[in-house]
Protein backbone atom coordinates (compact mmCIF):
# COMPACT_ATOMS: atom_id res chain seq x y z
CA MET A 1 8.37 25.78 -15.27
CA SER A 2 5.40 24.69 -17.34
CA PHE A 3 3.88 21.24 -17.48
CA SER A 4 2.06 19.47 -20.26
CA GLY A 5 -1.69 19.26 -19.82
CA GLY A 6 -1.61 15.61 -18.91
CA LEU A 7 0.87 16.22 -16.08
CA LYS A 8 -0.62 19.39 -14.65
CA LEU A 9 -1.60 19.18 -10.94
CA THR A 10 -5.05 20.36 -10.16
CA ASP A 11 -3.93 21.41 -6.68
CA LEU A 12 -0.55 22.64 -5.40
CA ASP A 13 -0.52 20.73 -2.18
CA ASP A 14 0.59 17.41 -3.74
CA HIS A 15 -2.41 15.44 -2.46
CA ILE A 16 -4.11 13.02 -4.81
CA THR A 17 -7.64 14.22 -5.54
CA PRO A 18 -9.85 14.00 -8.69
CA SER A 19 -9.92 17.18 -10.68
CA VAL A 20 -13.51 16.52 -11.73
CA ALA A 21 -16.57 14.91 -10.15
CA CYS A 22 -16.67 11.17 -10.54
CA ILE A 23 -18.11 10.36 -13.92
CA LEU A 24 -19.08 6.74 -13.38
CA PRO A 25 -22.59 7.42 -12.04
CA VAL A 26 -23.50 9.50 -15.12
CA GLU A 27 -22.30 6.94 -17.66
CA SER A 28 -25.22 5.35 -19.38
CA LYS A 29 -25.52 1.87 -20.77
CA PHE A 30 -28.32 1.78 -23.26
CA GLU A 31 -29.88 -1.37 -24.61
CA LYS A 32 -28.84 -1.96 -28.19
CA LYS A 33 -31.65 -1.50 -30.67
CA ASP A 34 -32.38 -4.26 -33.14
CA PRO A 35 -31.57 -2.77 -36.54
CA GLU A 36 -34.24 -4.92 -38.17
CA LYS A 37 -36.89 -3.28 -36.16
CA LYS A 38 -38.74 -0.43 -37.89
CA GLY A 39 -40.58 2.56 -36.68
CA GLY A 40 -37.68 4.74 -35.72
CA HIS A 41 -36.53 5.50 -32.22
CA ALA A 42 -38.93 5.52 -29.26
CA LYS A 43 -39.06 8.75 -27.34
CA THR A 44 -37.50 8.49 -23.82
CA ILE A 45 -38.65 10.64 -20.95
CA ILE A 46 -37.03 10.79 -17.51
CA GLN A 47 -39.47 11.80 -14.72
CA LEU A 48 -38.69 12.70 -11.12
CA GLU A 49 -41.28 11.76 -8.43
CA ASP A 50 -40.55 12.10 -4.70
CA GLY A 51 -36.84 11.83 -5.18
CA ASP A 52 -37.08 8.73 -7.48
CA ALA A 53 -36.27 8.68 -11.17
CA PHE A 54 -38.50 6.94 -13.76
CA GLU A 55 -37.83 6.20 -17.36
CA VAL A 56 -40.84 6.41 -19.68
CA ILE A 57 -40.69 4.69 -23.06
CA ASP A 58 -43.76 4.34 -25.22
CA GLY A 59 -45.93 5.18 -22.30
CA GLU A 60 -44.37 2.47 -20.09
CA SER A 61 -42.70 3.69 -16.86
CA GLN A 62 -39.86 1.90 -15.09
CA LYS A 63 -38.08 3.03 -11.91
CA LEU A 64 -34.38 3.60 -12.39
CA GLU A 65 -31.95 2.13 -9.88
CA LYS A 66 -29.60 4.54 -8.10
CA ALA A 67 -26.21 4.68 -9.80
CA THR A 68 -23.51 3.22 -7.56
CA ILE A 69 -19.80 2.57 -7.85
CA ASP A 70 -17.44 0.33 -5.97
CA LEU A 71 -13.66 0.25 -5.65
CA ASN A 72 -13.29 -2.10 -8.54
CA ASP A 73 -14.97 0.56 -10.67
CA CYS A 74 -12.45 3.09 -9.49
CA LEU A 75 -9.54 0.87 -10.38
CA ALA A 76 -10.86 0.29 -13.89
CA CYS A 77 -11.74 3.97 -14.61
CA SER A 78 -9.39 6.53 -16.02
CA GLY A 79 -11.58 9.48 -14.93
CA CYS A 80 -9.25 10.40 -12.13
CA ILE A 81 -5.84 9.25 -10.92
CA THR A 82 -7.08 7.53 -7.72
CA THR A 83 -10.31 8.40 -5.98
CA ALA A 84 -11.93 11.04 -3.79
CA GLU A 85 -11.51 10.30 -0.08
CA SER A 86 -15.27 10.48 0.36
CA ILE A 87 -15.74 7.59 -2.00
CA LEU A 88 -13.02 5.49 -0.39
CA VAL A 89 -14.36 6.08 3.10
CA SER A 90 -18.00 5.44 2.15
CA LEU A 91 -17.15 2.08 0.50
CA GLN A 92 -14.67 0.76 3.03
CA SER A 93 -14.91 2.15 6.57
CA HIS A 94 -14.91 1.12 10.25
CA LEU A 95 -18.45 0.05 9.75
CA GLU A 96 -17.17 -2.87 7.80
CA LEU A 97 -15.22 -3.97 10.86
CA TYR A 98 -18.39 -3.70 13.00
CA LYS A 99 -20.10 -5.92 10.44
CA ALA A 100 -17.32 -8.50 10.50
CA LEU A 101 -17.41 -8.63 14.30
CA GLU A 102 -21.13 -9.33 14.12
CA ASN A 103 -20.65 -11.91 11.47
CA LYS A 104 -18.13 -13.73 13.65
CA LEU A 105 -20.88 -14.37 16.17
CA ASP A 106 -23.19 -15.75 13.50
CA PRO A 107 -22.75 -19.55 13.30
CA ASN A 108 -24.09 -19.46 9.71
CA ASN A 109 -21.34 -16.99 8.64
CA PRO A 110 -17.98 -18.29 7.55
CA ILE A 111 -15.97 -15.62 9.45
CA GLN A 112 -14.45 -17.22 12.61
CA HIS A 113 -11.23 -15.25 13.17
CA ILE A 114 -10.39 -11.53 12.80
CA VAL A 115 -6.85 -10.28 12.39
CA VAL A 116 -5.77 -6.64 12.37
CA SER A 117 -2.40 -5.66 11.05
CA ILE A 118 -1.07 -2.12 11.77
CA ALA A 119 1.61 -0.01 10.02
CA PRO A 120 4.13 1.58 12.27
CA GLN A 121 3.41 5.05 10.83
CA VAL A 122 -0.04 4.83 12.44
CA PHE A 123 1.54 4.47 15.90
CA ALA A 124 3.95 7.30 15.30
CA ASN A 125 1.13 9.58 14.10
CA LEU A 126 -1.07 9.02 17.13
CA ALA A 127 1.82 9.20 19.53
CA ALA A 128 2.81 12.59 18.06
CA LYS A 129 -0.74 13.89 18.15
CA PHE A 130 -1.35 13.00 21.84
CA ASN A 131 2.25 13.65 22.76
CA VAL A 132 2.73 10.30 24.51
CA PRO A 133 5.34 7.60 24.14
CA SER A 134 4.86 5.42 20.99
CA GLN A 135 4.87 2.31 23.21
CA LYS A 136 1.79 3.62 25.01
CA ILE A 137 -0.06 4.01 21.72
CA ILE A 138 0.89 0.48 20.72
CA SER A 139 -0.34 -0.99 23.96
CA ASN A 140 -3.63 0.94 23.91
CA LEU A 141 -4.41 -0.01 20.29
CA VAL A 142 -3.82 -3.65 21.02
CA ARG A 143 -5.88 -3.55 24.17
CA PHE A 144 -8.73 -1.68 22.45
CA LEU A 145 -8.88 -4.03 19.52
CA HIS A 146 -8.88 -7.13 21.74
CA LEU A 147 -11.74 -5.65 23.78
CA LEU A 148 -13.56 -4.99 20.50
CA GLY A 149 -13.40 -8.71 19.73
CA VAL A 150 -10.36 -8.89 17.42
CA ASP A 151 -8.45 -12.13 17.80
CA GLN A 152 -4.95 -11.14 16.62
CA VAL A 153 -3.24 -7.73 16.37
CA ILE A 154 0.04 -7.77 14.53
CA ASP A 155 2.38 -5.21 13.06
CA VAL A 156 3.28 -4.96 9.32
CA THR A 157 7.02 -5.22 9.93
CA ILE A 158 7.31 -8.82 8.78
CA GLY A 159 5.62 -7.87 5.48
CA ARG A 160 7.92 -4.96 5.03
CA ASP A 161 10.98 -7.09 5.66
CA LEU A 162 9.88 -9.79 3.25
CA SER A 163 9.12 -7.03 0.70
CA LEU A 164 12.62 -5.55 1.18
CA VAL A 165 14.45 -8.89 0.96
CA TYR A 166 12.69 -9.99 -2.17
CA SER A 167 13.05 -6.51 -3.76
CA ALA A 168 16.82 -6.68 -3.08
CA GLN A 169 17.05 -10.19 -4.64
CA GLU A 170 14.95 -8.96 -7.61
CA PHE A 171 17.36 -6.04 -8.11
CA VAL A 172 20.47 -8.16 -8.00
CA GLN A 173 19.02 -10.77 -10.38
CA ASN A 174 18.08 -8.09 -12.90
CA TYR A 175 21.48 -6.44 -12.68
CA ARG A 176 23.24 -9.73 -13.32
CA HIS A 177 20.78 -10.42 -16.17
CA ARG A 178 21.68 -7.09 -17.83
CA GLN A 179 25.38 -7.85 -17.50
CA ASN A 180 24.89 -11.37 -18.86
CA PRO A 181 21.51 -12.30 -20.38
CA THR A 182 22.15 -16.00 -19.66
CA ASN A 183 21.72 -15.30 -15.95
CA ALA A 184 18.17 -16.27 -14.96
CA VAL A 185 15.64 -14.10 -13.17
CA ASP A 186 12.56 -15.37 -11.21
CA THR A 187 10.18 -13.10 -13.14
CA THR A 188 10.11 -11.21 -16.44
CA PRO A 189 13.28 -9.09 -16.57
CA LEU A 190 12.58 -5.40 -15.61
CA ASN A 191 13.68 -2.36 -17.55
CA THR A 192 16.23 0.00 -16.02
CA PRO A 193 15.66 1.80 -13.70
CA ILE A 194 13.62 -0.43 -11.53
CA LEU A 195 10.90 1.62 -9.84
CA SER A 196 9.48 0.73 -6.41
CA SER A 197 5.96 -0.64 -6.15
CA LEU A 198 4.92 -0.19 -2.53
CA CYS A 199 2.90 3.06 -3.05
CA PRO A 200 -0.62 2.46 -4.44
CA GLY A 201 -1.03 6.16 -5.38
CA TRP A 202 1.99 5.90 -7.60
CA ILE A 203 0.87 2.60 -9.06
CA CYS A 204 -2.60 3.93 -9.95
CA TYR A 205 -0.95 6.99 -11.57
CA ALA A 206 1.30 4.81 -13.67
CA GLU A 207 -1.39 2.38 -14.69
CA LYS A 208 -3.93 5.12 -15.61
CA THR A 209 -1.64 7.65 -17.37
CA HIS A 210 1.73 6.25 -18.24
CA GLY A 211 1.45 2.62 -19.28
CA PHE A 212 4.88 2.77 -20.92
CA ILE A 213 6.50 2.90 -17.48
CA LEU A 214 4.97 -0.36 -16.20
CA PRO A 215 7.90 -2.61 -17.39
CA HIS A 216 10.11 -0.67 -15.00
CA ILE A 217 8.04 -1.32 -11.80
CA SER A 218 9.11 -3.89 -9.30
CA LYS A 219 6.91 -7.03 -9.20
CA VAL A 220 7.33 -7.37 -5.45
CA LYS A 221 4.06 -6.79 -3.55
CA SER A 222 3.72 -4.07 -0.92
CA PRO A 223 4.11 -4.96 2.81
CA GLN A 224 0.35 -4.72 3.24
CA GLN A 225 -0.40 -7.31 0.60
CA ILE A 226 2.40 -9.62 1.76
CA VAL A 227 0.97 -9.59 5.23
CA GLY A 228 -2.39 -10.36 3.66
CA SER A 229 -1.00 -13.48 2.03
CA LEU A 230 0.68 -14.54 5.26
CA VAL A 231 -2.53 -14.14 7.26
CA LYS A 232 -4.71 -15.97 4.79
CA TYR A 233 -2.36 -18.66 3.42
CA TRP A 234 0.19 -19.29 6.09
CA TYR A 235 -1.38 -18.39 9.42
CA GLY A 236 -4.81 -19.66 8.40
CA PRO A 237 -3.78 -23.29 7.87
CA LYS A 238 -1.84 -23.21 11.18
CA ILE A 239 -5.17 -22.64 12.99
CA ASN A 240 -7.11 -24.94 10.66
CA LEU A 241 -9.08 -22.11 8.98
CA ARG A 242 -9.79 -21.46 5.30
CA PRO A 243 -8.96 -18.03 3.80
CA ASP A 244 -12.57 -17.00 3.79
CA GLN A 245 -12.90 -17.85 7.50
CA ILE A 246 -10.38 -15.16 8.47
CA TYR A 247 -11.27 -11.49 8.17
CA HIS A 248 -8.19 -9.35 7.82
CA VAL A 249 -8.20 -5.59 8.53
CA SER A 250 -5.20 -3.44 7.66
CA VAL A 251 -4.66 -0.09 9.38
CA MET A 252 -2.62 2.22 7.21
CA PRO A 253 -1.60 5.92 6.89
CA CYS A 254 -3.02 6.08 3.37
CA TYR A 255 -6.47 6.15 1.71
CA ASP A 256 -5.17 4.60 -1.52
CA LYS A 257 -4.38 1.41 0.38
CA LYS A 258 -8.08 0.72 0.11
CA LEU A 259 -7.80 0.66 -3.61
CA GLU A 260 -4.70 -1.53 -3.49
CA ALA A 261 -6.57 -4.09 -1.29
CA SER A 262 -9.46 -4.13 -3.87
CA ARG A 263 -7.30 -5.06 -6.82
CA GLN A 264 -8.56 -8.16 -8.58
CA ASP A 265 -5.06 -9.69 -8.40
CA PHE A 266 -5.46 -9.94 -4.66
CA TYR A 267 -8.84 -11.75 -4.78
CA ASN A 268 -9.28 -15.51 -4.44
CA ASP A 269 -12.02 -16.74 -6.67
CA ILE A 270 -12.11 -20.15 -5.13
CA PHE A 271 -12.81 -18.91 -1.57
CA SER A 272 -14.36 -15.59 -2.64
CA THR A 273 -12.14 -13.57 -0.35
CA ARG A 274 -9.49 -10.87 -0.56
CA ASP A 275 -6.03 -11.04 1.05
CA VAL A 276 -6.97 -7.80 2.84
CA ASP A 277 -10.71 -7.55 3.43
CA CYS A 278 -10.77 -3.98 4.77
CA VAL A 279 -8.44 -1.08 5.15
CA LEU A 280 -8.82 1.61 7.71
CA THR A 281 -6.79 4.82 7.88
CA THR A 282 -5.35 6.25 11.11
CA THR A 283 -8.12 8.84 11.24
CA GLU A 284 -10.77 6.17 10.93
CA MET A 285 -9.14 4.07 13.71
CA GLU A 286 -9.09 7.13 15.89
CA LYS A 287 -12.73 7.83 15.13
CA LEU A 288 -13.61 4.22 16.01
CA MET A 289 -11.92 4.54 19.37
CA GLU A 290 -13.72 7.83 20.04
CA GLU A 291 -17.13 6.27 19.17
CA LYS A 292 -16.43 3.48 21.69
CA GLY A 293 -15.39 5.93 24.34
CA TYR A 294 -11.95 4.46 24.82
CA ASN A 295 -9.81 6.15 27.44
CA TRP A 296 -6.35 6.82 26.10
CA ASP A 297 -5.08 7.66 29.58
CA GLU A 298 -5.35 4.05 30.82
CA SER A 299 -2.09 2.47 31.79
CA VAL A 300 -1.95 -0.82 29.90
CA GLU A 301 0.79 -3.22 28.94
CA ASP A 302 -0.77 -5.17 26.17
CA VAL A 303 1.62 -6.21 23.38
CA MET A 304 1.47 -7.19 19.78
CA ASP A 305 0.45 -10.79 19.08
CA SER A 306 3.34 -12.89 17.88
CA PRO A 307 2.47 -15.63 15.39
CA LEU A 308 5.84 -17.26 16.21
CA HIS A 309 4.20 -20.05 18.21
CA LYS A 310 2.55 -21.23 14.94
CA LEU A 311 5.86 -22.02 13.40
CA SER A 312 7.25 -25.48 13.38
CA ASN A 313 10.93 -26.53 13.78
CA ILE A 314 12.05 -23.09 15.11
CA PRO A 315 15.85 -22.99 15.31
CA PRO A 316 16.92 -22.55 18.96
CA ASN A 317 18.92 -19.41 18.22
CA ILE A 318 15.92 -17.78 16.59
CA ALA A 319 13.51 -18.72 19.43
CA GLN A 320 15.96 -17.41 22.01
CA GLU A 321 16.46 -14.09 20.09
CA TRP A 322 12.68 -13.66 19.83
CA GLN A 323 11.99 -14.19 23.51
CA TYR A 324 12.04 -10.50 24.37
CA TYR A 325 9.45 -9.66 21.70
CA PRO A 326 6.23 -10.83 23.48
CA SER A 327 7.16 -8.87 26.61
CA SER A 328 8.06 -5.56 24.79
CA PRO A 329 5.80 -3.10 22.93
CA HIS A 330 8.74 -2.33 20.63
CA LEU A 331 8.46 -3.27 16.97
CA TYR A 332 11.25 -5.64 15.88
CA SER A 333 13.46 -4.66 12.97
CA LEU A 334 11.85 -1.28 12.34
CA SER A 335 13.65 0.65 9.64
CA SER A 336 14.87 4.17 10.28
CA SER A 337 13.09 5.17 7.04
CA THR A 338 9.42 5.92 7.40
CA THR A 339 8.71 4.47 3.97
CA GLY A 340 10.59 1.23 4.58
CA GLY A 341 14.07 2.06 3.44
CA TYR A 342 13.98 0.36 0.03
CA VAL A 343 16.90 2.37 -1.47
CA ASN A 344 18.93 1.95 1.74
CA TYR A 345 18.52 -1.76 1.99
CA ILE A 346 18.71 -2.59 -1.72
CA MET A 347 21.94 -0.60 -2.04
CA GLN A 348 23.44 -2.29 0.95
CA TYR A 349 22.43 -5.81 -0.27
CA ALA A 350 23.60 -5.09 -3.82
CA ALA A 351 26.89 -3.63 -2.63
CA LYS A 352 27.73 -6.81 -0.87
CA GLU A 353 26.36 -9.23 -3.50
CA LEU A 354 27.75 -7.49 -6.53
CA PHE A 355 30.89 -5.72 -5.40
CA ASN A 356 31.75 -7.29 -2.03
CA ILE A 357 31.36 -3.87 -0.32
CA ASP A 358 30.10 -4.16 3.21
CA LEU A 359 28.04 -1.05 3.97
CA SER A 360 26.97 -2.38 7.36
CA VAL A 361 30.36 -1.28 8.68
CA GLU A 362 32.03 2.15 8.28
CA HIS A 363 32.22 2.60 4.53
CA SER A 364 30.86 6.16 4.14
CA HIS A 365 33.42 6.89 1.45
CA ASN A 366 31.61 4.39 -0.71
CA VAL A 367 28.32 6.33 -0.67
CA SER A 368 27.60 9.77 -2.08
CA ILE A 369 24.27 11.54 -1.28
CA LYS A 370 23.12 14.53 -3.36
CA THR A 371 20.05 16.55 -2.65
CA ILE A 372 18.53 17.72 -5.90
CA ARG A 373 15.91 20.19 -4.57
CA ASN A 374 15.01 19.03 -1.03
CA SER A 375 14.97 15.86 1.00
CA ASP A 376 12.09 14.60 -1.21
CA TYR A 377 14.35 14.28 -4.22
CA GLN A 378 17.79 12.82 -3.59
CA GLU A 379 20.39 10.87 -5.57
CA ILE A 380 22.47 8.22 -3.78
CA SER A 381 25.53 6.72 -5.50
CA LEU A 382 27.57 3.65 -4.66
CA ILE A 383 31.25 4.24 -5.38
CA ASN A 384 33.84 1.54 -5.87
CA GLY A 385 37.26 3.09 -6.08
CA ASP A 386 36.88 6.12 -8.38
CA THR A 387 33.86 4.70 -10.21
CA THR A 388 30.14 5.06 -9.56
CA VAL A 389 28.85 1.55 -9.95
CA LEU A 390 25.24 2.04 -8.87
CA LYS A 391 22.99 5.08 -8.70
CA PHE A 392 19.74 5.29 -6.81
CA ALA A 393 17.12 8.05 -6.35
CA LEU A 394 14.36 8.99 -3.89
CA ALA A 395 11.39 10.76 -5.46
CA TYR A 396 8.61 11.69 -3.05
CA GLY A 397 5.51 13.74 -3.98
CA PHE A 398 3.97 14.04 -7.42
CA ARG A 399 6.08 16.98 -8.52
CA ASN A 400 9.11 14.75 -8.22
CA ILE A 401 7.34 11.80 -9.80
CA GLN A 402 6.63 13.94 -12.81
CA ASN A 403 10.31 14.73 -13.03
CA ILE A 404 11.04 11.00 -13.17
CA ILE A 405 8.37 10.42 -15.79
CA ARG A 406 9.68 13.22 -18.04
CA LYS A 407 13.20 11.79 -17.72
CA ALA A 408 11.91 8.37 -18.61
CA LYS A 409 10.28 9.76 -21.77
CA THR A 410 13.66 11.20 -22.89
CA ASN A 411 15.66 8.28 -21.62
CA LYS A 412 17.47 10.50 -19.12
CA VAL A 413 16.19 8.35 -16.25
CA SER A 414 18.39 5.47 -17.36
CA GLN A 415 21.18 7.06 -15.26
CA TYR A 416 19.46 5.52 -12.28
CA ASP A 417 19.46 1.81 -11.38
CA TYR A 418 16.64 2.07 -8.90
CA VAL A 419 14.15 4.70 -7.82
CA GLU A 420 12.07 4.69 -4.63
CA ILE A 421 8.85 6.44 -5.47
CA MET A 422 6.21 7.70 -3.00
CA ALA A 423 3.14 9.85 -3.86
CA CYS A 424 3.23 11.77 -0.61
CA PRO A 425 5.85 14.33 0.25
CA SER A 426 8.01 13.05 3.15
CA GLY A 427 6.75 9.52 2.46
CA CYS A 428 4.23 7.34 4.27
CA ILE A 429 4.57 9.23 7.58
CA ASN A 430 2.76 12.02 5.85
CA GLY A 431 0.11 9.91 4.25
CA GLY A 432 -3.30 11.38 3.53
CA GLY A 433 -5.00 9.12 6.04
CA GLN A 434 -3.00 10.33 8.99
CA SER A 435 -4.61 12.27 11.81
CA LYS A 436 -3.91 15.99 11.87
CA HIS A 437 -2.50 18.07 14.73
CA GLN A 438 -4.47 21.11 15.93
CA THR A 439 -1.45 23.48 16.02
CA LEU A 440 1.48 21.79 14.37
CA HIS A 441 1.71 21.81 10.59
CA GLY A 442 4.06 21.21 7.74
CA LYS A 443 7.71 20.30 8.46
CA GLU A 444 7.22 20.86 12.19
CA TRP A 445 4.47 18.28 12.37
CA THR A 446 6.38 15.83 10.20
CA ALA A 447 9.41 16.15 12.46
CA GLN A 448 7.35 15.38 15.48
CA MET A 449 5.99 12.22 13.88
CA LEU A 450 9.53 11.14 12.84
CA THR A 451 10.69 11.54 16.40
CA LYS A 452 7.89 9.28 17.64
CA TYR A 453 8.64 6.78 14.85
CA SER A 454 12.24 6.42 15.92
CA GLU A 455 11.14 5.71 19.49
CA MET A 456 9.39 2.49 18.54
CA ASN A 457 12.54 0.44 18.02
CA PRO A 458 15.77 1.26 19.85
CA PHE A 459 17.33 -1.89 18.31
CA PRO A 460 17.02 -1.51 14.54
CA GLN A 461 17.92 -4.66 12.61
CA LEU A 462 18.46 -5.49 8.97
CA PRO A 463 15.41 -7.13 7.37
CA HIS A 464 17.13 -10.44 6.68
CA LEU A 465 17.95 -10.75 10.39
CA ASN A 466 14.38 -10.56 11.52
CA PRO A 467 13.91 -13.82 13.47
CA LEU A 468 10.37 -14.33 12.32
CA LEU A 469 11.51 -13.97 8.70
CA LEU A 470 14.32 -16.45 9.27
CA ALA A 471 11.96 -18.94 10.79
CA LEU A 472 9.39 -18.40 8.01
CA ASP A 473 12.12 -19.21 5.47
CA GLN A 474 12.10 -22.75 6.79
CA ASP A 475 8.32 -23.06 7.24
CA TRP A 476 6.63 -21.22 4.40
CA GLN A 477 6.56 -21.47 0.60
CA PRO A 478 5.99 -18.13 -1.16
CA THR A 479 4.40 -19.91 -4.12
CA HIS A 480 1.61 -22.54 -4.29
CA GLY A 481 0.63 -23.76 -7.73
CA GLU A 482 -0.13 -20.72 -9.80
CA ALA A 483 -0.51 -18.53 -6.75
CA ASN A 484 2.38 -16.26 -5.82
CA TYR A 485 2.27 -14.68 -2.43
CA ILE A 486 5.20 -12.29 -3.04
CA VAL A 487 4.98 -10.91 -6.59
CA THR A 488 2.25 -9.41 -8.72
CA ASP A 489 1.74 -7.72 -12.11
CA TYR A 490 0.45 -4.28 -13.32
CA LYS A 491 -1.72 -3.45 -16.26
CA ALA A 492 -2.32 -0.22 -18.14
CA VAL A 493 -5.93 1.00 -17.65
CA GLU A 494 -7.80 1.69 -20.83
CA ASN A 495 -8.84 5.25 -21.30
CA THR A 496 -12.59 5.24 -20.64
CA ILE A 497 -13.12 8.98 -20.93
CA THR A 498 -14.09 10.15 -24.44
CA ALA A 499 -14.16 13.68 -25.74
CA THR A 500 -17.93 13.56 -25.89
CA THR A 501 -18.19 13.40 -22.06
CA GLY A 502 -16.54 16.79 -21.68
CA LEU A 503 -14.55 15.27 -18.76
CA GLY A 504 -10.98 14.23 -18.58
CA THR A 505 -8.09 13.64 -16.32
CA LYS A 506 -6.29 16.80 -15.52
CA TRP A 507 -3.34 17.34 -13.19
């Protein structure tokens, strides 16, 4: 099978890497010459002296500043799909956390409180690598971060549950709007199929190379960014702190989450702060613990911090149901899917809302699952009687994303109602920021991580039954003026690479 030049992968391992060196440092911005001035063009000479560069014009020498780039440059550049890991790590690393911890001790610095939120895939990865129970990893990470000076350590589950619930509501609203345009939707109606939005690698790819697909992408923020909104704009006021007085670190299995956190949409101009100030990958967190000489063998019973005590008017039944949480290292309401289970939950929610089919009980005859090539590309159909009423797809890895894009160009993708898209094969559990095992590789290593992932919550619950989410529903408004803490927008990135550079995006 051959691909067009714009879709050809540079590598065959499905990882997101630039096919050329970053072109931003070599882009030149020359001062515009006054056309009224005569005398022709001045001769420019670049001289190198002791490692420094000097520009000489008309005999006058000026030292040139070293070319630098930041994550905003990466987001605005079409030179590569995402960014080299070396750039991401150099611009946002555990050194930023060290700096924040120092700033918290400085009375002249606004930072007064540090919150770390951790994705469950991080725990599963480290538990599999060290072959210890997932609960031990959770307890040790919480203990280590508290010893380091972090004030609150929370898991990302609440953000995932909010993302799932709002994604399901968005899907049902759009479905009803298609059936009857007089039915209202909370945001601009989306094209069919709706494509998931939680994977930043996929979002960067769509924005930089396939702008036509953006009207299909869900407006709901990823769990990471929803947690960022909660930390800065719900939790902050509860402890009488402004958004810029809280430093929020997110620990994720993916390098591209650094790019996501750096999006201008998630920056508050008034307080000059981001919803997520710094993103560390699993490997960076492991390195941080190694640098500090932390002993993984210690027997500790530290647990995740629960923000529940910051809620007002907690219904008694919710408070009672949550009582076990502070005394248990398990993660509440953890989905069986390592990417969050968007197709699973949205189909279950839509089946009940649209067709009164209850998939929470035994209704396997209402669901048909078809594997197209492997577990990374599946079709799931909801059947009512003899009719397929909804059709979903899972597309993991860029090979399968390319299949979806090609189908979209020929309108064949309209057979689906919703597609869950992830850049990494096997989903987030196999993210590029995950720590590697010395001897286990491929499917065997993924299976080991999946086993540890399933250990973390022996009592899986549906997202809308998460007691913290239920309590939040009575205590938190997802919008404030023009700010929306749940939804966002996507924009096509203008092609900044011209033929004269000799560089281009190649896949």
